[in-house]
N, C-alpha and C. Protein backbone atom coordinates (compact mmCIF):
# COMPACT_ATOMS: atom_id res chain seq x y z
N UNK A 1 1.31 113.19 150.00
CA UNK A 1 0.75 111.90 150.13
C UNK A 1 1.74 110.92 150.64
N UNK A 2 1.29 109.95 151.40
CA UNK A 2 2.21 108.98 151.91
C UNK A 2 1.57 107.58 151.94
N UNK A 3 2.39 106.55 152.09
CA UNK A 3 1.91 105.15 152.03
C UNK A 3 2.63 104.42 153.20
N UNK A 4 1.86 103.70 153.96
CA UNK A 4 2.48 102.97 155.06
C UNK A 4 2.94 101.60 154.57
N UNK A 5 4.20 101.28 154.85
CA UNK A 5 4.75 100.00 154.45
C UNK A 5 5.55 99.53 155.70
N UNK A 6 5.09 98.40 156.30
CA UNK A 6 5.67 97.95 157.53
C UNK A 6 5.42 99.01 158.62
N UNK A 7 6.52 99.34 159.36
CA UNK A 7 6.41 100.41 160.40
C UNK A 7 6.70 101.83 159.86
N UNK A 8 6.87 101.96 158.55
CA UNK A 8 7.44 103.16 158.05
C UNK A 8 6.42 103.83 157.15
N UNK A 9 6.51 105.20 157.15
CA UNK A 9 5.68 106.06 156.26
C UNK A 9 6.51 106.59 155.14
N UNK A 10 6.24 106.01 153.96
CA UNK A 10 6.98 106.38 152.72
C UNK A 10 6.23 107.48 152.03
N UNK A 11 7.00 108.37 151.37
CA UNK A 11 6.38 109.41 150.49
C UNK A 11 6.00 108.75 149.17
N UNK A 12 4.85 109.15 148.67
CA UNK A 12 4.37 108.68 147.41
C UNK A 12 3.06 107.97 147.52
N UNK A 13 2.80 107.03 146.61
CA UNK A 13 3.63 106.61 145.49
C UNK A 13 3.68 107.75 144.37
N UNK A 14 4.92 107.88 143.86
CA UNK A 14 5.25 108.81 142.82
C UNK A 14 5.12 108.14 141.48
N UNK A 15 4.50 108.79 140.52
CA UNK A 15 4.42 108.16 139.15
C UNK A 15 5.62 108.45 138.26
N UNK A 16 6.41 109.42 138.68
CA UNK A 16 7.61 109.81 137.94
C UNK A 16 8.78 110.01 138.85
N UNK A 17 10.02 109.68 138.33
CA UNK A 17 11.21 109.96 139.11
C UNK A 17 11.50 111.47 139.19
N UNK A 18 10.83 112.28 138.37
CA UNK A 18 10.99 113.72 138.43
C UNK A 18 10.46 114.23 139.77
N UNK A 19 9.65 113.41 140.48
CA UNK A 19 9.07 113.83 141.71
C UNK A 19 9.92 113.31 142.98
N UNK A 20 11.02 112.59 142.59
CA UNK A 20 11.87 112.00 143.66
C UNK A 20 13.15 112.82 143.74
N UNK A 21 13.63 113.00 144.95
CA UNK A 21 14.82 113.72 145.23
C UNK A 21 16.07 112.87 145.30
N UNK A 22 17.19 113.27 144.75
CA UNK A 22 18.36 112.42 144.80
C UNK A 22 19.07 112.48 146.19
N UNK A 23 18.40 111.88 147.11
CA UNK A 23 18.88 111.83 148.49
C UNK A 23 19.06 110.44 148.93
N UNK A 24 19.76 110.20 150.11
CA UNK A 24 19.87 108.82 150.67
C UNK A 24 18.48 108.39 151.15
N UNK A 25 18.20 107.08 150.90
CA UNK A 25 16.89 106.59 151.35
C UNK A 25 16.66 105.17 150.95
N UNK A 26 15.49 104.71 151.26
CA UNK A 26 14.97 103.38 150.95
C UNK A 26 13.78 103.58 149.97
N UNK A 27 13.76 102.78 148.92
CA UNK A 27 12.78 102.97 147.91
C UNK A 27 12.02 101.66 147.72
N UNK A 28 10.72 101.76 147.43
CA UNK A 28 9.89 100.57 147.12
C UNK A 28 9.34 100.87 145.75
N UNK A 29 9.47 99.80 144.90
CA UNK A 29 8.95 99.91 143.51
C UNK A 29 7.62 99.16 143.52
N UNK A 30 6.62 99.88 143.03
CA UNK A 30 5.28 99.39 142.98
C UNK A 30 4.78 99.26 141.54
N UNK A 31 3.93 98.28 141.33
CA UNK A 31 3.33 98.10 140.07
C UNK A 31 1.87 98.52 140.09
N UNK A 32 1.48 99.39 139.23
CA UNK A 32 0.02 99.74 139.10
C UNK A 32 -0.58 98.70 138.22
N UNK A 33 -1.65 98.00 138.70
CA UNK A 33 -2.34 96.93 137.92
C UNK A 33 -3.85 97.26 138.04
N UNK A 34 -4.58 96.42 137.29
CA UNK A 34 -6.04 96.53 137.33
C UNK A 34 -6.56 96.43 138.70
N UNK A 35 -6.12 95.48 139.52
CA UNK A 35 -6.65 95.22 140.81
C UNK A 35 -6.07 96.02 141.91
N UNK A 36 -5.20 96.98 141.63
CA UNK A 36 -4.60 97.83 142.60
C UNK A 36 -3.03 97.98 142.45
N UNK A 37 -2.41 98.06 143.56
CA UNK A 37 -0.97 98.28 143.53
C UNK A 37 -0.23 97.09 144.15
N UNK A 38 0.84 96.59 143.56
CA UNK A 38 1.59 95.46 144.01
C UNK A 38 3.05 95.86 144.27
N UNK A 39 3.57 95.47 145.44
CA UNK A 39 5.00 95.71 145.67
C UNK A 39 5.88 94.81 144.90
N UNK A 40 6.78 95.38 144.16
CA UNK A 40 7.72 94.52 143.34
C UNK A 40 9.14 94.33 143.98
N UNK A 41 9.59 95.37 144.63
CA UNK A 41 10.98 95.45 145.07
C UNK A 41 11.14 96.48 146.19
N UNK A 42 12.09 96.27 147.07
CA UNK A 42 12.58 97.26 148.02
C UNK A 42 14.09 97.17 147.96
N UNK A 43 14.70 98.39 148.08
CA UNK A 43 16.12 98.45 148.20
C UNK A 43 16.48 99.84 148.72
N UNK A 44 17.78 100.10 148.86
CA UNK A 44 18.20 101.32 149.40
C UNK A 44 19.35 101.86 148.56
N UNK A 45 19.66 103.23 148.65
CA UNK A 45 20.71 103.79 147.92
C UNK A 45 21.09 105.12 148.54
N UNK A 46 22.30 105.51 148.31
CA UNK A 46 22.77 106.80 148.75
C UNK A 46 22.12 107.90 148.00
N UNK A 47 21.70 107.63 146.79
CA UNK A 47 20.92 108.56 145.90
C UNK A 47 19.82 107.68 145.32
N UNK A 48 18.59 107.86 145.88
CA UNK A 48 17.47 106.94 145.43
C UNK A 48 17.13 107.09 143.93
N UNK A 49 17.27 108.27 143.37
CA UNK A 49 17.00 108.41 141.97
C UNK A 49 18.02 107.57 141.14
N UNK A 50 19.27 107.72 141.35
CA UNK A 50 20.27 106.91 140.67
C UNK A 50 20.11 105.38 140.98
N UNK A 51 19.69 105.13 142.22
CA UNK A 51 19.51 103.74 142.65
C UNK A 51 18.38 103.12 141.81
N UNK A 52 17.30 103.80 141.59
CA UNK A 52 16.15 103.29 140.84
C UNK A 52 16.54 103.21 139.36
N UNK A 53 17.17 104.28 138.82
CA UNK A 53 17.55 104.28 137.39
C UNK A 53 18.50 103.11 136.99
N UNK A 54 19.41 102.78 137.85
CA UNK A 54 20.50 101.93 137.53
C UNK A 54 20.36 100.60 138.23
N UNK A 55 19.20 100.21 138.74
CA UNK A 55 19.08 99.01 139.48
C UNK A 55 19.19 97.74 138.63
N UNK A 56 19.90 96.78 139.19
CA UNK A 56 20.21 95.53 138.45
C UNK A 56 18.95 94.69 138.19
N UNK A 57 17.84 94.82 138.89
CA UNK A 57 16.70 94.02 138.70
C UNK A 57 15.55 94.85 138.07
N UNK A 58 15.89 96.00 137.33
CA UNK A 58 14.85 96.82 136.74
C UNK A 58 14.04 95.99 135.70
N UNK A 59 14.71 95.13 135.00
CA UNK A 59 14.00 94.31 133.98
C UNK A 59 12.85 93.54 134.56
N UNK A 60 13.08 93.01 135.82
CA UNK A 60 11.97 92.31 136.46
C UNK A 60 10.81 93.23 136.72
N UNK A 61 11.10 94.54 137.16
CA UNK A 61 10.05 95.49 137.43
C UNK A 61 9.16 95.67 136.16
N UNK A 62 9.90 95.83 135.01
CA UNK A 62 9.22 96.12 133.76
C UNK A 62 8.33 94.89 133.35
N UNK A 63 8.78 93.72 133.64
CA UNK A 63 7.98 92.46 133.26
C UNK A 63 6.83 92.30 134.10
N UNK A 64 6.77 92.86 135.36
CA UNK A 64 5.79 92.56 136.35
C UNK A 64 4.77 93.74 136.45
N UNK A 65 4.85 94.70 135.62
CA UNK A 65 3.93 95.88 135.72
C UNK A 65 2.96 95.79 134.49
N UNK A 66 1.77 96.25 134.75
CA UNK A 66 0.78 96.35 133.71
C UNK A 66 0.49 97.82 133.29
N UNK A 67 0.23 98.62 134.30
CA UNK A 67 -0.17 99.99 133.96
C UNK A 67 0.87 101.08 134.41
N UNK A 68 2.09 100.68 134.70
CA UNK A 68 3.08 101.62 135.08
C UNK A 68 3.65 101.32 136.44
N UNK A 69 4.91 101.89 136.55
CA UNK A 69 5.60 101.73 137.85
C UNK A 69 5.35 102.98 138.72
N UNK A 70 5.35 102.80 140.03
CA UNK A 70 5.29 103.86 140.96
C UNK A 70 6.39 103.62 141.97
N UNK A 71 6.78 104.75 142.64
CA UNK A 71 7.90 104.69 143.63
C UNK A 71 7.47 105.30 144.92
N UNK A 72 7.66 104.58 146.00
CA UNK A 72 7.52 105.09 147.35
C UNK A 72 8.84 105.25 147.95
N UNK A 73 9.11 106.43 148.62
CA UNK A 73 10.42 106.72 149.08
C UNK A 73 10.40 107.00 150.59
N UNK A 74 11.42 106.52 151.26
CA UNK A 74 11.65 106.90 152.67
C UNK A 74 13.07 107.54 152.69
N UNK A 75 13.08 108.84 152.77
CA UNK A 75 14.33 109.61 152.82
C UNK A 75 14.99 109.36 154.16
N UNK A 76 16.25 109.07 154.14
CA UNK A 76 16.95 108.77 155.39
C UNK A 76 18.32 109.48 155.48
N UNK A 77 18.26 110.81 155.42
CA UNK A 77 19.53 111.56 155.42
C UNK A 77 20.45 111.34 156.56
N UNK A 78 19.89 110.93 157.71
CA UNK A 78 20.68 110.75 158.98
C UNK A 78 21.09 109.27 159.12
N UNK A 79 20.78 108.36 158.22
CA UNK A 79 21.14 107.00 158.36
C UNK A 79 22.23 106.60 157.44
N UNK A 80 23.05 105.60 157.75
CA UNK A 80 24.13 105.13 156.92
C UNK A 80 23.57 103.92 156.16
N UNK A 81 24.45 103.41 155.31
CA UNK A 81 24.06 102.29 154.40
C UNK A 81 23.53 101.08 155.20
N UNK A 82 24.28 100.77 156.26
CA UNK A 82 23.90 99.61 157.09
C UNK A 82 22.52 99.77 157.77
N UNK A 83 22.24 100.98 158.25
CA UNK A 83 20.90 101.22 158.75
C UNK A 83 19.80 101.07 157.73
N UNK A 84 20.06 101.64 156.60
CA UNK A 84 19.09 101.52 155.48
C UNK A 84 18.88 100.04 155.11
N UNK A 85 19.94 99.27 155.07
CA UNK A 85 19.81 97.84 154.74
C UNK A 85 19.00 97.14 155.81
N UNK A 86 19.01 97.46 157.05
CA UNK A 86 18.19 96.89 158.08
C UNK A 86 16.72 97.14 157.80
N UNK A 87 16.34 98.35 157.36
CA UNK A 87 14.98 98.65 157.02
C UNK A 87 14.59 97.80 155.83
N UNK A 88 15.40 97.71 154.83
CA UNK A 88 15.05 96.79 153.70
C UNK A 88 14.88 95.34 154.13
N UNK A 89 15.72 94.87 154.93
CA UNK A 89 15.56 93.46 155.53
C UNK A 89 14.24 93.35 156.22
N UNK A 90 13.93 94.26 157.17
CA UNK A 90 12.74 94.14 157.88
C UNK A 90 11.50 94.12 157.03
N UNK A 91 11.45 94.91 156.01
CA UNK A 91 10.30 94.97 155.10
C UNK A 91 10.26 93.64 154.23
N UNK A 92 11.42 93.20 153.81
CA UNK A 92 11.38 91.90 153.03
C UNK A 92 10.95 90.80 153.88
N UNK A 93 11.10 90.82 155.19
CA UNK A 93 10.65 89.77 156.11
C UNK A 93 9.13 89.76 156.15
N UNK A 94 8.51 90.92 155.89
CA UNK A 94 7.07 90.99 156.01
C UNK A 94 6.30 90.82 154.75
N UNK A 95 6.87 91.17 153.64
CA UNK A 95 6.15 91.11 152.38
C UNK A 95 6.85 90.26 151.30
N UNK A 96 6.12 89.54 150.56
CA UNK A 96 6.63 88.79 149.42
C UNK A 96 6.58 89.68 148.19
N UNK A 97 7.77 89.93 147.59
CA UNK A 97 7.88 90.77 146.42
C UNK A 97 8.57 89.98 145.29
N UNK A 98 8.00 89.97 144.11
CA UNK A 98 8.45 89.06 143.04
C UNK A 98 9.86 89.41 142.53
N UNK A 99 10.30 90.66 142.76
CA UNK A 99 11.60 91.02 142.17
C UNK A 99 12.73 91.15 143.22
N UNK A 100 12.45 90.69 144.45
CA UNK A 100 13.51 90.69 145.48
C UNK A 100 14.48 89.52 145.16
N UNK A 101 15.70 89.74 145.44
CA UNK A 101 16.80 88.72 145.12
C UNK A 101 16.35 87.36 145.64
N UNK A 102 16.57 86.30 144.88
CA UNK A 102 16.25 85.00 145.28
C UNK A 102 17.06 84.51 146.46
N UNK A 103 18.24 85.05 146.63
CA UNK A 103 19.12 84.59 147.75
C UNK A 103 18.75 85.26 149.06
N UNK A 104 17.79 86.19 149.03
CA UNK A 104 17.35 86.83 150.28
C UNK A 104 16.65 85.79 151.19
N UNK A 105 17.28 85.46 152.33
CA UNK A 105 16.74 84.37 153.08
C UNK A 105 15.40 84.66 153.66
N UNK A 106 15.01 85.92 153.89
CA UNK A 106 13.77 86.26 154.42
C UNK A 106 12.71 86.13 153.39
N UNK A 107 12.87 86.76 152.23
CA UNK A 107 12.02 86.68 150.99
C UNK A 107 10.47 86.56 151.29
N UNK A 108 10.06 87.04 152.46
CA UNK A 108 8.64 87.09 152.77
C UNK A 108 8.00 85.81 153.17
N UNK A 109 8.70 84.67 153.31
CA UNK A 109 8.08 83.43 153.53
C UNK A 109 8.12 83.04 155.05
N UNK A 110 8.75 83.78 155.84
CA UNK A 110 8.75 83.56 157.30
C UNK A 110 8.80 84.92 157.96
N UNK A 111 8.37 84.91 159.14
CA UNK A 111 8.41 86.14 159.97
C UNK A 111 9.10 85.82 161.26
N UNK A 112 9.72 86.86 161.90
CA UNK A 112 10.44 86.62 163.15
C UNK A 112 9.53 85.90 164.21
N UNK A 113 8.29 86.20 164.32
CA UNK A 113 7.42 85.64 165.31
C UNK A 113 7.26 84.09 165.05
N UNK A 114 7.55 83.63 163.84
CA UNK A 114 7.46 82.15 163.58
C UNK A 114 8.60 81.37 164.19
N UNK A 115 9.64 82.02 164.54
CA UNK A 115 10.86 81.35 165.04
C UNK A 115 10.58 80.76 166.39
């Protein structure tokens, strides 16, 4: 199963981290709610499982979910951290996510075509 986010095809959404591989990648945290699924956060990690488990904004995810968290993963074994961060930035430019860091200048409120 896959989910399209921006220009990318992510695996998932996975209901459990047991279904996620500890590989380099970009992950999207989704909240299952009555009305559907909401994107809470996107980030990257050398090990997506550890990145999700130890994320500094995990409390925000828990506060913003009703029926459970889901995870969409884009494995990127051939990309370095800088390249993964570019994917994160591109998606943050396109979507508003309540748990993205407030200092993120893109934060979903403008798009490159608005420039």
